[in-house]
Amino acid sequence: MLQAAIFDMDGLLFDTERLCCEAWRSVSFEAGYKMDDALFFACVGRNNRDTRTIVLESCGPDFPYDDFSDKARAWMTERMKVNGPPEKSGIRILFDFLSALSIPIALATSTSEKSARWMIERAGLTSYFSGWAFGSEVERGKPEPDIFQLALLRLGVADPSKCVVFEDSPAGLTAALTAGMKAVFVPDMIVPDNEILGKIWKRIDSLDEAAFESFYSDI
């Protein structure tokens, strides 16, 4: 029987990966840098520490990453202040379904705690969550399992095989699988390779497809 559900945020709950990609393009162009989209894709699902390492390895140690990151985050925030974070379809249907069954929900995101809590609160979703885990709280970011293990601990659930993780990134799916959890892939900007897809539990196109008891019948 399902005992817990854990959700990533960017690219899963909110269509912020595309917004972030636009921010990277805009901010880097204004600063006179050329950043290939492939570099952004390599960072999807990673925490800020690991993203910083990847960007500096690509752009060189003199690249002003901290300033770039702050400006990209501000670029996104200004746009979300107007209309809120761009929600992906099916969020509230699935959250209401899980809440009706008293299944605890946690957020496990590589995004900073300040930004993540602001987006969740701005969208009016805070009350759904019983646990939180942020990239800055774990030594190893996705694709390592640490953040999902922390989220499950905070939900008070001992058996990872009774937990479903909803993810859109290859790094996140790998982390969930390594943690021994049921990984559900919800496509966004990146399609994982066949090795990862061959190991996931299920694939859906929208979160509301998981708002049925039959979806969890084999747990």
C-alpha atoms as a PDB file:
ATOM      1  CA  MET A   1       0.000   0.000   0.000  1.00  0.00           C
ATOM      2  CA  LEU A   2       1.223   3.488  -0.863  1.00  0.00           C
ATOM      3  CA  GLN A   3       2.586   5.277   2.215  1.00  0.00           C
ATOM      4  CA  ALA A   4       4.092   8.482   0.804  1.00  0.00           C
ATOM      5  CA  ALA A   5       4.538  10.605  -2.315  1.00  0.00           C
ATOM      6  CA  ILE A   6       7.479  12.875  -3.059  1.00  0.00           C
ATOM      7  CA  PHE A   7       7.520  15.558  -5.728  1.00  0.00           C
ATOM      8  CA  ASP A   8      10.242  17.456  -7.504  1.00  0.00           C
ATOM      9  CA  MET A   9       9.282  21.057  -8.294  1.00  0.00           C
ATOM     10  CA  ASP A  10      10.888  22.674 -11.354  1.00  0.00           C
ATOM     11  CA  GLY A  11       9.684  21.077 -14.568  1.00  0.00           C
ATOM     12  CA  LEU A  12       7.204  18.908 -12.660  1.00  0.00           C
ATOM     13  CA  LEU A  13       4.903  21.134 -10.606  1.00  0.00           C
ATOM     14  CA  PHE A  14       5.834  24.325 -12.424  1.00  0.00           C
ATOM     15  CA  ASP A  15       6.957  24.952 -15.993  1.00  0.00           C
ATOM     16  CA  THR A  16       9.990  26.773 -14.655  1.00  0.00           C
ATOM     17  CA  GLU A  17      12.681  24.839 -16.509  1.00  0.00           C
ATOM     18  CA  ARG A  18      11.719  26.632 -19.719  1.00  0.00           C
ATOM     19  CA  LEU A  19      11.550  29.909 -17.845  1.00  0.00           C
ATOM     20  CA  CYS A  20      14.989  29.269 -16.386  1.00  0.00           C
ATOM     21  CA  CYS A  21      16.395  28.404 -19.806  1.00  0.00           C
ATOM     22  CA  GLU A  22      15.081  31.732 -21.119  1.00  0.00           C
ATOM     23  CA  ALA A  23      16.655  33.493 -18.146  1.00  0.00           C
ATOM     24  CA  TRP A  24      20.036  31.895 -18.844  1.00  0.00           C
ATOM     25  CA  ARG A  25      19.857  32.938 -22.488  1.00  0.00           C
ATOM     26  CA  SER A  26      18.836  36.509 -21.675  1.00  0.00           C
ATOM     27  CA  VAL A  27      21.247  37.142 -18.798  1.00  0.00           C
ATOM     28  CA  SER A  28      24.243  35.556 -20.517  1.00  0.00           C
ATOM     29  CA  PHE A  29      23.544  37.521 -23.731  1.00  0.00           C
ATOM     30  CA  GLU A  30      23.317  40.811 -21.848  1.00  0.00           C
ATOM     31  CA  ALA A  31      26.618  40.021 -20.109  1.00  0.00           C
ATOM     32  CA  GLY A  32      28.317  39.221 -23.405  1.00  0.00           C
ATOM     33  CA  TYR A  33      28.614  35.471 -22.847  1.00  0.00           C
ATOM     34  CA  LYS A  34      27.451  32.714 -25.161  1.00  0.00           C
ATOM     35  CA  MET A  35      25.953  29.794 -23.257  1.00  0.00           C
ATOM     36  CA  ASP A  36      24.770  26.802 -25.237  1.00  0.00           C
ATOM     37  CA  ASP A  37      21.397  25.292 -24.285  1.00  0.00           C
ATOM     38  CA  ALA A  38      23.189  21.967 -23.875  1.00  0.00           C
ATOM     39  CA  LEU A  39      24.939  23.423 -20.832  1.00  0.00           C
ATOM     40  CA  PHE A  40      21.587  24.304 -19.290  1.00  0.00           C
ATOM     41  CA  PHE A  41      20.232  20.819 -19.972  1.00  0.00           C
ATOM     42  CA  ALA A  42      23.286  19.308 -18.258  1.00  0.00           C
ATOM     43  CA  CYS A  43      22.326  21.225 -15.123  1.00  0.00           C
ATOM     44  CA  VAL A  44      18.623  20.341 -15.013  1.00  0.00           C
ATOM     45  CA  GLY A  45      17.739  18.642 -11.746  1.00  0.00           C
ATOM     46  CA  ARG A  46      21.049  19.580 -10.100  1.00  0.00           C
ATOM     47  CA  ASN A  47      21.499  21.713  -7.005  1.00  0.00           C
ATOM     48  CA  ASN A  48      23.240  25.091  -7.136  1.00  0.00           C
ATOM     49  CA  ARG A  49      26.562  23.705  -5.904  1.00  0.00           C
ATOM     50  CA  ASP A  50      26.741  21.074  -8.641  1.00  0.00           C
ATOM     51  CA  THR A  51      25.397  23.481 -11.265  1.00  0.00           C
ATOM     52  CA  ARG A  52      28.145  25.929 -10.364  1.00  0.00           C
ATOM     53  CA  THR A  53      30.771  23.218 -10.872  1.00  0.00           C
ATOM     54  CA  ILE A  54      29.345  22.185 -14.253  1.00  0.00           C
ATOM     55  CA  VAL A  55      29.130  25.789 -15.517  1.00  0.00           C
ATOM     56  CA  LEU A  56      32.661  26.683 -14.405  1.00  0.00           C
ATOM     57  CA  GLU A  57      34.043  23.537 -16.017  1.00  0.00           C
ATOM     58  CA  SER A  58      32.399  24.597 -19.279  1.00  0.00           C
ATOM     59  CA  CYS A  59      32.866  28.384 -19.185  1.00  0.00           C
ATOM     60  CA  GLY A  60      36.154  28.560 -17.301  1.00  0.00           C
ATOM     61  CA  PRO A  61      37.052  29.426 -13.693  1.00  0.00           C
ATOM     62  CA  ASP A  62      36.785  33.163 -14.325  1.00  0.00           C
ATOM     63  CA  PHE A  63      33.117  32.989 -15.294  1.00  0.00           C
ATOM     64  CA  PRO A  64      31.141  35.153 -12.784  1.00  0.00           C
ATOM     65  CA  TYR A  65      28.763  32.345 -11.859  1.00  0.00           C
ATOM     66  CA  ASP A  66      27.401  33.791  -8.614  1.00  0.00           C
ATOM     67  CA  ASP A  67      26.487  37.095 -10.260  1.00  0.00           C
ATOM     68  CA  PHE A  68      25.033  35.269 -13.252  1.00  0.00           C
ATOM     69  CA  SER A  69      22.959  32.983 -11.019  1.00  0.00           C
ATOM     70  CA  ASP A  70      21.606  35.884  -8.961  1.00  0.00           C
ATOM     71  CA  LYS A  71      20.586  37.812 -12.079  1.00  0.00           C
ATOM     72  CA  ALA A  72      18.944  34.765 -13.688  1.00  0.00           C
ATOM     73  CA  ARG A  73      16.975  34.102 -10.497  1.00  0.00           C
ATOM     74  CA  ALA A  74      15.868  37.748 -10.332  1.00  0.00           C
ATOM     75  CA  TRP A  75      14.844  37.616 -14.020  1.00  0.00           C
ATOM     76  CA  MET A  76      12.580  34.641 -13.272  1.00  0.00           C
ATOM     77  CA  THR A  77      11.169  36.058 -10.058  1.00  0.00           C
ATOM     78  CA  GLU A  78      10.107  39.310 -11.696  1.00  0.00           C
ATOM     79  CA  ARG A  79       8.063  37.381 -14.226  1.00  0.00           C
ATOM     80  CA  MET A  80       6.496  35.097 -11.629  1.00  0.00           C
ATOM     81  CA  LYS A  81       5.516  38.002  -9.401  1.00  0.00           C
ATOM     82  CA  VAL A  82       2.932  39.006 -12.002  1.00  0.00           C
ATOM     83  CA  ASN A  83       1.151  35.713 -12.724  1.00  0.00           C
ATOM     84  CA  GLY A  84       2.683  33.318 -10.217  1.00  0.00           C
ATOM     85  CA  PRO A  85       4.709  30.217 -11.099  1.00  0.00           C
ATOM     86  CA  PRO A  86       3.463  28.604 -14.329  1.00  0.00           C
ATOM     87  CA  GLU A  87       1.646  25.486 -13.095  1.00  0.00           C
ATOM     88  CA  LYS A  88       1.828  22.190 -14.930  1.00  0.00           C
ATOM     89  CA  SER A  89      -1.460  20.401 -15.526  1.00  0.00           C
ATOM     90  CA  GLY A  90      -2.919  18.001 -12.986  1.00  0.00           C
ATOM     91  CA  ILE A  91      -1.143  19.245  -9.841  1.00  0.00           C
ATOM     92  CA  ARG A  92      -4.195  20.082  -7.752  1.00  0.00           C
ATOM     93  CA  ILE A  93      -6.170  17.051  -8.915  1.00  0.00           C
ATOM     94  CA  LEU A  94      -3.403  14.696  -7.770  1.00  0.00           C
ATOM     95  CA  PHE A  95      -2.733  16.596  -4.541  1.00  0.00           C
ATOM     96  CA  ASP A  96      -6.421  16.550  -3.626  1.00  0.00           C
ATOM     97  CA  PHE A  97      -6.595  12.825  -4.390  1.00  0.00           C
ATOM     98  CA  LEU A  98      -3.600  11.994  -2.191  1.00  0.00           C
ATOM     99  CA  SER A  99      -4.849  14.240   0.592  1.00  0.00           C
ATOM    100  CA  ALA A 100      -8.239  12.510   0.555  1.00  0.00           C
ATOM    101  CA  LEU A 101      -6.425   9.201   1.141  1.00  0.00           C
ATOM    102  CA  SER A 102      -4.284  10.756   3.910  1.00  0.00           C
ATOM    103  CA  ILE A 103      -1.104  10.021   1.938  1.00  0.00           C
ATOM    104  CA  PRO A 104       1.632  12.411   3.150  1.00  0.00           C
ATOM    105  CA  ILE A 105       3.332  14.526   0.501  1.00  0.00           C
ATOM    106  CA  ALA A 106       6.857  15.952   0.515  1.00  0.00           C
ATOM    107  CA  LEU A 107       8.704  18.350  -1.750  1.00  0.00           C
ATOM    108  CA  ALA A 108      12.277  17.384  -2.644  1.00  0.00           C
ATOM    109  CA  THR A 109      13.843  20.047  -4.828  1.00  0.00           C
ATOM    110  CA  SER A 110      17.333  21.112  -5.802  1.00  0.00           C
ATOM    111  CA  THR A 111      16.077  24.703  -5.827  1.00  0.00           C
ATOM    112  CA  SER A 112      17.069  26.862  -2.856  1.00  0.00           C
ATOM    113  CA  GLU A 113      14.725  26.780   0.127  1.00  0.00           C
ATOM    114  CA  LYS A 114      13.924  30.494  -0.136  1.00  0.00           C
ATOM    115  CA  SER A 115      12.972  30.313  -3.814  1.00  0.00           C
ATOM    116  CA  ALA A 116      11.102  27.016  -3.518  1.00  0.00           C
ATOM    117  CA  ARG A 117       9.010  28.078  -0.536  1.00  0.00           C
ATOM    118  CA  TRP A 118       8.214  31.377  -2.238  1.00  0.00           C
ATOM    119  CA  MET A 119       6.950  29.601  -5.376  1.00  0.00           C
ATOM    120  CA  ILE A 120       4.917  27.022  -3.467  1.00  0.00           C
ATOM    121  CA  GLU A 121       3.377  29.737  -1.278  1.00  0.00           C
ATOM    122  CA  ARG A 122       2.753  32.033  -4.251  1.00  0.00           C
ATOM    123  CA  ALA A 123       0.881  29.162  -5.948  1.00  0.00           C
ATOM    124  CA  GLY A 124      -1.180  28.473  -2.818  1.00  0.00           C
ATOM    125  CA  LEU A 125       0.084  24.894  -2.420  1.00  0.00           C
ATOM    126  CA  THR A 126       1.854  25.048   0.953  1.00  0.00           C
ATOM    127  CA  SER A 127      -0.884  23.310   2.939  1.00  0.00           C
ATOM    128  CA  TYR A 128      -0.541  20.120   0.889  1.00  0.00           C
ATOM    129  CA  PHE A 129       2.994  19.384   2.083  1.00  0.00           C
ATOM    130  CA  SER A 130       3.908  17.471   5.228  1.00  0.00           C
ATOM    131  CA  GLY A 131       7.648  17.453   4.553  1.00  0.00           C
ATOM    132  CA  TRP A 132      10.328  19.474   2.786  1.00  0.00           C
ATOM    133  CA  ALA A 133      13.859  18.709   1.596  1.00  0.00           C
ATOM    134  CA  PHE A 134      16.129  21.145  -0.216  1.00  0.00           C
ATOM    135  CA  GLY A 135      19.354  20.695  -2.138  1.00  0.00           C
ATOM    136  CA  SER A 136      21.352  22.813   0.283  1.00  0.00           C
ATOM    137  CA  GLU A 137      20.490  20.392   3.111  1.00  0.00           C
ATOM    138  CA  VAL A 138      22.257  17.357   1.682  1.00  0.00           C
ATOM    139  CA  GLU A 139      25.907  16.705   1.007  1.00  0.00           C
ATOM    140  CA  ARG A 140      25.258  15.084  -2.357  1.00  0.00           C
ATOM    141  CA  GLY A 141      22.720  16.378  -4.854  1.00  0.00           C
ATOM    142  CA  LYS A 142      20.743  14.454  -7.457  1.00  0.00           C
ATOM    143  CA  PRO A 143      21.491  11.966  -9.052  1.00  0.00           C
ATOM    144  CA  GLU A 144      22.533  10.760  -5.598  1.00  0.00           C
ATOM    145  CA  PRO A 145      19.594   9.611  -3.423  1.00  0.00           C
ATOM    146  CA  ASP A 146      20.248  11.826  -0.384  1.00  0.00           C
ATOM    147  CA  ILE A 147      17.484  14.388  -0.910  1.00  0.00           C
ATOM    148  CA  PHE A 148      14.764  11.745  -1.319  1.00  0.00           C
ATOM    149  CA  GLN A 149      16.009   9.842   1.699  1.00  0.00           C
ATOM    150  CA  LEU A 150      15.824  13.052   3.729  1.00  0.00           C
ATOM    151  CA  ALA A 151      12.300  13.773   2.471  1.00  0.00           C
ATOM    152  CA  LEU A 152      11.123  10.276   3.405  1.00  0.00           C
ATOM    153  CA  LEU A 153      12.692  10.611   6.850  1.00  0.00           C
ATOM    154  CA  ARG A 154      10.802  13.839   7.410  1.00  0.00           C
ATOM    155  CA  LEU A 155       7.557  12.161   6.423  1.00  0.00           C
ATOM    156  CA  GLY A 156       8.222   9.466   9.012  1.00  0.00           C
ATOM    157  CA  VAL A 157       8.031   6.608   6.505  1.00  0.00           C
ATOM    158  CA  ALA A 158      10.540   3.764   6.889  1.00  0.00           C
ATOM    159  CA  ASP A 159      10.000   1.677   3.735  1.00  0.00           C
ATOM    160  CA  PRO A 160      11.187   3.430   0.546  1.00  0.00           C
ATOM    161  CA  SER A 161       9.487   0.826  -1.652  1.00  0.00           C
ATOM    162  CA  LYS A 162       6.133   2.156  -0.433  1.00  0.00           C
ATOM    163  CA  CYS A 163       6.972   5.663  -1.646  1.00  0.00           C
ATOM    164  CA  VAL A 164       6.328   7.066  -5.130  1.00  0.00           C
ATOM    165  CA  VAL A 165       8.558   9.813  -6.497  1.00  0.00           C
ATOM    166  CA  PHE A 166       7.328  12.013  -9.339  1.00  0.00           C
ATOM    167  CA  GLU A 167      10.200  13.397 -11.403  1.00  0.00           C
ATOM    168  CA  ASP A 168      10.931  14.926 -14.799  1.00  0.00           C
ATOM    169  CA  SER A 169      14.744  14.894 -14.945  1.00  0.00           C
ATOM    170  CA  PRO A 170      17.205  12.048 -15.531  1.00  0.00           C
ATOM    171  CA  ALA A 171      19.143  13.097 -12.421  1.00  0.00           C
ATOM    172  CA  GLY A 172      15.989  13.024 -10.295  1.00  0.00           C
ATOM    173  CA  LEU A 173      14.817   9.673 -11.617  1.00  0.00           C
ATOM    174  CA  THR A 174      18.232   8.144 -10.981  1.00  0.00           C
ATOM    175  CA  ALA A 175      18.176   9.505  -7.425  1.00  0.00           C
ATOM    176  CA  ALA A 176      14.735   8.016  -6.770  1.00  0.00           C
ATOM    177  CA  LEU A 177      15.731   4.638  -8.173  1.00  0.00           C
ATOM    178  CA  THR A 178      18.923   4.554  -6.124  1.00  0.00           C
ATOM    179  CA  ALA A 179      16.862   5.370  -3.029  1.00  0.00           C
ATOM    180  CA  GLY A 180      14.744   2.269  -3.691  1.00  0.00           C
ATOM    181  CA  MET A 181      11.583   4.237  -4.409  1.00  0.00           C
ATOM    182  CA  LYS A 182       8.987   3.880  -7.159  1.00  0.00           C
ATOM    183  CA  ALA A 183      10.003   6.410  -9.838  1.00  0.00           C
ATOM    184  CA  VAL A 184       7.320   7.969 -12.039  1.00  0.00           C
ATOM    185  CA  PHE A 185       8.552   9.887 -15.073  1.00  0.00           C
ATOM    186  CA  VAL A 186       6.529  12.926 -16.166  1.00  0.00           C
ATOM    187  CA  PRO A 187       8.203  14.313 -19.332  1.00  0.00           C
ATOM    188  CA  ASP A 188       9.265  17.935 -19.546  1.00  0.00           C
ATOM    189  CA  MET A 189      12.290  19.231 -21.495  1.00  0.00           C
ATOM    190  CA  ILE A 190      14.604  16.214 -21.352  1.00  0.00           C
ATOM    191  CA  VAL A 191      13.935  12.573 -22.177  1.00  0.00           C
ATOM    192  CA  PRO A 192      16.143  10.193 -20.161  1.00  0.00           C
ATOM    193  CA  ASP A 193      18.153   7.542 -21.954  1.00  0.00           C
ATOM    194  CA  ASN A 194      16.799   4.037 -22.410  1.00  0.00           C
ATOM    195  CA  GLU A 195      18.809   2.686 -19.486  1.00  0.00           C
ATOM    196  CA  ILE A 196      16.943   4.930 -17.050  1.00  0.00           C
ATOM    197  CA  LEU A 197      13.577   4.496 -18.771  1.00  0.00           C
ATOM    198  CA  GLY A 198      13.990   0.742 -18.505  1.00  0.00           C
ATOM    199  CA  LYS A 199      14.179   0.982 -14.708  1.00  0.00           C
ATOM    200  CA  ILE A 200      11.398   3.431 -13.857  1.00  0.00           C
ATOM    201  CA  TRP A 201       8.124   2.262 -12.374  1.00  0.00           C
ATOM    202  CA  LYS A 202       5.734   4.185 -14.623  1.00  0.00           C
ATOM    203  CA  ARG A 203       5.538   7.001 -17.158  1.00  0.00           C
ATOM    204  CA  ILE A 204       2.662   9.457 -17.418  1.00  0.00           C
ATOM    205  CA  ASP A 205       2.104  12.608 -19.449  1.00  0.00           C
ATOM    206  CA  SER A 206       0.241  14.574 -16.777  1.00  0.00           C
ATOM    207  CA  LEU A 207       0.065  14.321 -12.985  1.00  0.00           C
ATOM    208  CA  ASP A 208      -3.701  13.814 -12.962  1.00  0.00           C
ATOM    209  CA  GLU A 209      -3.131  10.408 -14.594  1.00  0.00           C
ATOM    210  CA  ALA A 210      -1.911   9.268 -11.171  1.00  0.00           C
ATOM    211  CA  ALA A 211      -5.060  10.393  -9.340  1.00  0.00           C
ATOM    212  CA  PHE A 212      -6.623   6.917  -9.235  1.00  0.00           C
ATOM    213  CA  GLU A 213      -6.296   4.134  -6.642  1.00  0.00           C
ATOM    214  CA  SER A 214      -5.685   1.603  -9.426  1.00  0.00           C
ATOM    215  CA  PHE A 215      -2.489   3.480 -10.331  1.00  0.00           C
ATOM    216  CA  TYR A 216      -0.941   2.271  -7.060  1.00  0.00           C
ATOM    217  CA  SER A 217      -2.458  -1.216  -6.986  1.00  0.00           C
ATOM    218  CA  ASP A 218       0.858  -3.067  -7.280  1.00  0.00           C
ATOM    219  CA  ILE A 219       2.571  -1.317  -4.351  1.00  0.00           C
END
